Amino acid sequence: MAKGKILVFGGTGPAGICLLRELLFREHETIVYARSPSKVPEELTKNPLLEIIKGELTDTDALSTAVSRSSAIISLLGPNSIFNTKPSTYLDFYRALFPLMRTHGVRRIFAMGTLSIPAEGDSFAISRLMVVGLVRLVANSAYATITQVGELFAKEAGEGIDWTIYRIAGIPGGSDEASWKADREDGEVFEGFVGEQGWSLSQKRGALARWLVDAAEDGKEKWIGKMPMVVKYAGSGRRA
C-alpha cells in the first residue's frame, strides 16, 4: 500500500522514534511533523529519506503541507501527561486533519488509542477492568481524552477516510538503536479484541513499530473502521 511518503505524528516520543527507525530501516520515505524537531536523534535526521516539518498541532498551514506530501498517516499522538490533559487538544487536531486528508486525497490513517477505549468485539476481562479502573482513578483527564478520540473517529471521520485506531496497553522498551533492534523481534503480534485467545497487556515499542510499518505496507483493510488491540501474543517467544 505505502508507495509514497508516510507522515508520522507523535514521532519524537520513545515509541515514535522506534517507528522512525523502523520506517527508515525499511527504506520508506518518511515525514515527521514535530513541534520540537531537536528531539529526533541526529543519526535519523541525517538520513535523506527523512523529512522534518516543524509545526504545532494548531498550525493548519503546516499541517496541510505535511499531509499534501504524504500517502498514508501513522499517529502516535496521545496524552503525554496523566494530569491536566485537555481532550480538546487532540480532538481539535483530528477535526482539522480530517478535511485536510480529504482535500489532498490521503485516505489511510492509523491512529493510536488505548485499552481504555471500548470496542465492538471486546469480551469481558477482569484484567482490563482493573487496568482501566486504575487509569480512570489516577489519570481521569487522560482517560477522557483517549476515549473521546475513539468516539470522534467513529462519529466524524466519515466519507473518504479509511481509519483504524490501533489500541495499545503497556509499551515498555527503549528507543535507542540497540533496544529497537532487540525489541522488534519480541514475540508474535496479537491483533484482535479484548478477551480473545492470545491477547495480553503489553507490547515492546520496537515490536509495535514493526507492526505499524507492516500495516502501512499492506493496508490492513480488515481493520478499516475498527479498533483492534495490538499487543504481544501471550506466550509467544522471540521471532525467528
Protein backbone atom coordinates (compact mmCIF):
# COMPACT_ATOMS: atom_id res chain seq x y z
CA MET A 1 0.00 0.00 0.00
CA ALA A 2 2.63 2.54 1.10
CA LYS A 3 4.02 3.84 -2.22
CA GLY A 4 4.56 7.46 -1.20
CA LYS A 5 5.77 9.20 1.90
CA ILE A 6 4.42 8.14 5.28
CA LEU A 7 3.53 11.00 7.60
CA VAL A 8 4.17 10.45 11.30
CA PHE A 9 2.59 12.40 14.13
CA GLY A 10 3.99 11.88 17.63
CA GLY A 11 7.34 10.90 16.21
CA THR A 12 9.54 12.48 18.89
CA GLY A 13 8.47 10.31 21.83
CA PRO A 14 10.13 6.94 22.54
CA ALA A 15 7.56 4.92 20.55
CA GLY A 16 7.68 7.47 17.75
CA ILE A 17 11.45 7.28 17.49
CA CYS A 18 11.20 3.48 17.27
CA LEU A 19 8.70 3.96 14.45
CA LEU A 20 11.04 6.32 12.60
CA ARG A 21 13.86 3.79 12.97
CA GLU A 22 11.66 1.04 11.54
CA LEU A 23 10.46 3.15 8.62
CA LEU A 24 13.96 4.23 7.65
CA PHE A 25 15.36 0.72 8.15
CA ARG A 26 12.78 -0.48 5.62
CA GLU A 27 13.66 2.41 3.29
CA HIS A 28 10.37 4.29 3.43
CA GLU A 29 10.35 7.97 2.61
CA THR A 30 9.08 9.49 5.83
CA ILE A 31 7.79 12.84 7.03
CA VAL A 32 7.76 13.57 10.76
CA TYR A 33 5.64 16.50 11.88
CA ALA A 34 7.11 17.81 15.10
CA ARG A 35 6.84 20.76 17.44
CA SER A 36 10.40 20.10 18.63
CA PRO A 37 12.48 18.62 15.79
CA SER A 38 15.56 18.62 18.04
CA LYS A 39 14.08 15.59 19.83
CA VAL A 40 14.68 13.44 16.75
CA PRO A 41 18.07 11.68 17.15
CA GLU A 42 20.79 13.14 14.98
CA GLU A 43 21.57 9.86 13.25
CA LEU A 44 17.99 9.82 11.95
CA THR A 45 17.88 13.46 10.85
CA LYS A 46 20.89 12.76 8.63
CA ASN A 47 19.00 10.09 6.71
CA PRO A 48 17.96 11.50 3.29
CA LEU A 49 14.70 9.55 3.46
CA LEU A 50 13.52 11.61 6.44
CA GLU A 51 11.85 15.00 6.06
CA ILE A 52 11.02 17.05 9.15
CA ILE A 53 8.24 19.62 9.13
CA LYS A 54 8.11 21.81 12.20
CA GLY A 55 4.71 22.89 13.45
CA GLU A 56 2.19 22.99 16.25
CA LEU A 57 -0.93 20.83 16.24
CA THR A 58 -2.90 24.03 15.67
CA ASP A 59 -0.86 25.19 12.64
CA THR A 60 -3.24 24.38 9.79
CA ASP A 61 -0.93 25.64 7.05
CA ALA A 62 1.99 23.47 8.17
CA LEU A 63 -0.35 20.51 8.64
CA SER A 64 -1.72 20.98 5.14
CA THR A 65 1.80 21.00 3.71
CA ALA A 66 2.69 17.80 5.55
CA VAL A 67 -0.48 15.98 4.50
CA SER A 68 -0.15 17.10 0.88
CA ARG A 69 3.22 15.35 0.62
CA SER A 70 2.10 12.03 2.12
CA SER A 71 0.27 8.90 1.04
CA ALA A 72 -0.61 7.48 4.48
CA ILE A 73 -0.53 8.63 8.10
CA ILE A 74 0.56 6.96 11.33
CA SER A 75 -0.28 8.85 14.50
CA LEU A 76 1.17 8.13 17.91
CA LEU A 77 -0.43 11.20 19.42
CA GLY A 78 -1.95 10.87 22.85
CA PRO A 79 -1.80 12.35 26.34
CA ASN A 80 1.81 12.85 27.41
CA SER A 81 0.85 13.58 31.00
CA ILE A 82 -1.52 11.81 33.34
CA PHE A 83 -2.61 15.15 34.77
CA ASN A 84 -4.30 18.19 33.24
CA THR A 85 -4.64 16.80 29.73
CA LYS A 86 -7.19 18.71 27.68
CA PRO A 87 -9.22 16.48 25.36
CA SER A 88 -9.75 19.45 23.04
CA THR A 89 -6.03 19.46 22.15
CA TYR A 90 -6.34 16.18 20.28
CA LEU A 91 -9.99 16.43 19.28
CA ASP A 92 -9.43 19.79 17.59
CA PHE A 93 -6.32 18.44 15.87
CA TYR A 94 -8.13 15.48 14.32
CA ARG A 95 -11.11 17.64 13.39
CA ALA A 96 -8.70 19.84 11.45
CA LEU A 97 -6.85 16.86 9.99
CA PHE A 98 -9.86 15.04 8.51
CA PRO A 99 -10.75 17.73 5.93
CA LEU A 100 -7.08 18.16 5.02
CA MET A 101 -6.87 14.45 4.29
CA ARG A 102 -9.90 14.69 2.01
CA THR A 103 -8.55 17.78 0.27
CA HIS A 104 -5.23 16.11 -0.51
CA GLY A 105 -6.62 12.64 -1.23
CA VAL A 106 -4.93 10.89 1.69
CA ARG A 107 -7.29 8.13 2.79
CA ARG A 108 -5.39 5.85 5.19
CA ILE A 109 -4.64 6.71 8.80
CA PHE A 110 -3.60 4.54 11.73
CA ALA A 111 -4.22 6.44 14.96
CA MET A 112 -3.22 5.39 18.45
CA GLY A 113 -5.77 4.52 21.10
CA THR A 114 -5.52 2.58 24.33
CA LEU A 115 -7.16 -0.19 26.26
CA SER A 116 -9.48 2.42 27.76
CA ILE A 117 -11.44 2.68 24.51
CA PRO A 118 -14.21 0.06 24.36
CA ALA A 119 -14.76 -1.60 21.01
CA GLU A 120 -17.38 -3.81 19.47
CA GLY A 121 -15.94 -7.32 19.61
CA ASP A 122 -14.39 -6.96 23.07
CA SER A 123 -15.21 -9.54 25.72
CA PHE A 124 -15.17 -9.12 29.48
CA ALA A 125 -11.71 -9.43 31.03
CA ILE A 126 -11.05 -8.77 34.69
CA SER A 127 -7.51 -7.58 33.94
CA ARG A 128 -8.84 -4.95 31.55
CA LEU A 129 -11.43 -3.85 34.11
CA MET A 130 -8.74 -3.40 36.75
CA VAL A 131 -6.32 -1.50 34.49
CA VAL A 132 -8.94 0.85 33.08
CA GLY A 133 -10.40 1.42 36.55
CA LEU A 134 -6.99 2.47 37.82
CA VAL A 135 -6.46 4.80 34.86
CA ARG A 136 -9.82 6.47 35.47
CA LEU A 137 -8.94 6.93 39.12
CA VAL A 138 -5.43 8.37 38.82
CA ALA A 139 -5.47 9.90 35.31
CA ASN A 140 -9.06 10.79 34.57
CA SER A 141 -8.22 13.60 32.14
CA ALA A 142 -6.01 11.28 30.08
CA TYR A 143 -8.76 8.65 30.16
CA ALA A 144 -11.34 11.17 28.96
CA THR A 145 -9.02 12.35 26.19
CA ILE A 146 -8.32 8.96 24.70
CA THR A 147 -11.90 7.70 24.92
CA GLN A 148 -13.19 10.86 23.25
CA VAL A 149 -10.66 10.42 20.44
CA GLY A 150 -12.13 6.97 19.84
CA GLU A 151 -15.64 8.41 19.74
CA LEU A 152 -14.52 11.17 17.38
CA PHE A 153 -13.16 8.76 14.78
CA ALA A 154 -16.25 6.59 14.94
CA LYS A 155 -18.62 9.54 14.53
CA GLU A 156 -16.79 12.17 12.49
CA ALA A 157 -14.03 10.66 10.31
CA GLY A 158 -16.65 9.82 7.72
CA GLU A 159 -16.51 9.59 3.96
CA GLY A 160 -13.15 9.42 2.25
CA ILE A 161 -11.10 8.35 5.27
CA ASP A 162 -10.02 4.75 5.89
CA TRP A 163 -9.19 4.86 9.57
CA THR A 164 -8.01 2.32 12.11
CA ILE A 165 -7.47 3.02 15.76
CA TYR A 166 -4.86 0.57 16.99
CA ARG A 167 -5.32 0.18 20.73
CA ILE A 168 -2.29 -0.41 22.92
CA ALA A 169 -1.75 -1.21 26.58
CA GLY A 170 1.72 -1.11 28.15
CA ILE A 171 4.57 -0.33 25.72
CA PRO A 172 7.88 -0.86 27.53
CA GLY A 173 11.29 -0.69 25.92
CA GLY A 174 13.88 1.84 24.87
CA SER A 175 14.14 3.94 21.73
CA ASP A 176 17.89 3.76 21.14
CA GLU A 177 19.03 1.71 18.16
CA ALA A 178 20.09 -1.35 20.15
CA SER A 179 16.82 -1.52 22.10
CA TRP A 180 14.72 -1.05 18.96
CA LYS A 181 16.59 -3.82 17.14
CA ALA A 182 16.14 -6.24 20.01
CA ASP A 183 12.54 -5.34 20.78
CA ARG A 184 11.25 -5.52 17.19
CA GLU A 185 11.75 -9.29 17.40
CA ASP A 186 9.91 -9.63 20.72
CA GLY A 187 7.26 -12.25 20.05
CA GLU A 188 4.37 -12.54 17.65
CA VAL A 189 1.82 -9.75 17.43
CA PHE A 190 -1.78 -10.18 18.54
CA GLU A 191 -4.25 -8.03 16.62
CA GLY A 192 -7.84 -8.52 17.68
CA PHE A 193 -10.17 -7.83 20.56
CA VAL A 194 -10.02 -7.87 24.33
CA GLY A 195 -10.61 -11.32 25.76
CA GLU A 196 -9.75 -13.28 22.64
CA GLN A 197 -7.19 -16.05 22.88
CA GLY A 198 -3.70 -14.59 22.77
CA TRP A 199 -4.45 -11.04 23.86
CA SER A 200 -2.22 -9.52 26.51
CA LEU A 201 -1.50 -6.23 28.25
CA SER A 202 1.83 -5.18 26.74
CA GLN A 203 3.94 -4.89 23.61
CA LYS A 204 7.51 -3.68 23.25
CA ARG A 205 7.83 -0.37 21.42
CA GLY A 206 10.07 -1.87 18.78
CA ALA A 207 7.56 -4.65 18.05
CA LEU A 208 4.74 -2.12 17.84
CA ALA A 209 6.78 -0.11 15.34
CA ARG A 210 7.29 -3.21 13.23
CA TRP A 211 3.54 -3.88 13.19
CA LEU A 212 2.76 -0.29 12.25
CA VAL A 213 5.06 -0.37 9.25
CA ASP A 214 3.65 -3.76 8.23
CA ALA A 215 0.21 -2.14 8.46
CA ALA A 216 1.23 0.83 6.35
CA GLU A 217 2.68 -1.51 3.74
CA ASP A 218 -0.29 -3.84 3.33
CA GLY A 219 -3.10 -1.51 4.37
CA LYS A 220 -4.71 -3.86 6.93
CA GLU A 221 -8.02 -3.50 5.11
CA LYS A 222 -9.82 -5.82 7.51
CA TRP A 223 -9.31 -3.23 10.25
CA ILE A 224 -10.68 -0.23 8.39
CA GLY A 225 -13.25 1.47 10.61
CA LYS A 226 -12.32 -0.77 13.55
CA MET A 227 -10.28 -0.60 16.75
CA PRO A 228 -8.15 -3.72 17.26
CA MET A 229 -5.86 -4.28 20.20
CA VAL A 230 -2.24 -4.52 19.03
CA VAL A 231 -0.19 -6.29 21.69
CA LYS A 232 2.20 -9.18 22.12
CA TYR A 233 0.60 -12.57 21.52
CA ALA A 234 0.51 -14.06 25.01
CA GLY A 235 3.13 -16.72 25.49
CA SER A 236 4.94 -16.18 22.19
CA GLY A 237 8.71 -16.15 22.15
CA ARG A 238 11.13 -14.13 20.09
CA ARG A 239 10.58 -14.10 16.35
CA ALA A 240 12.84 -16.34 14.29
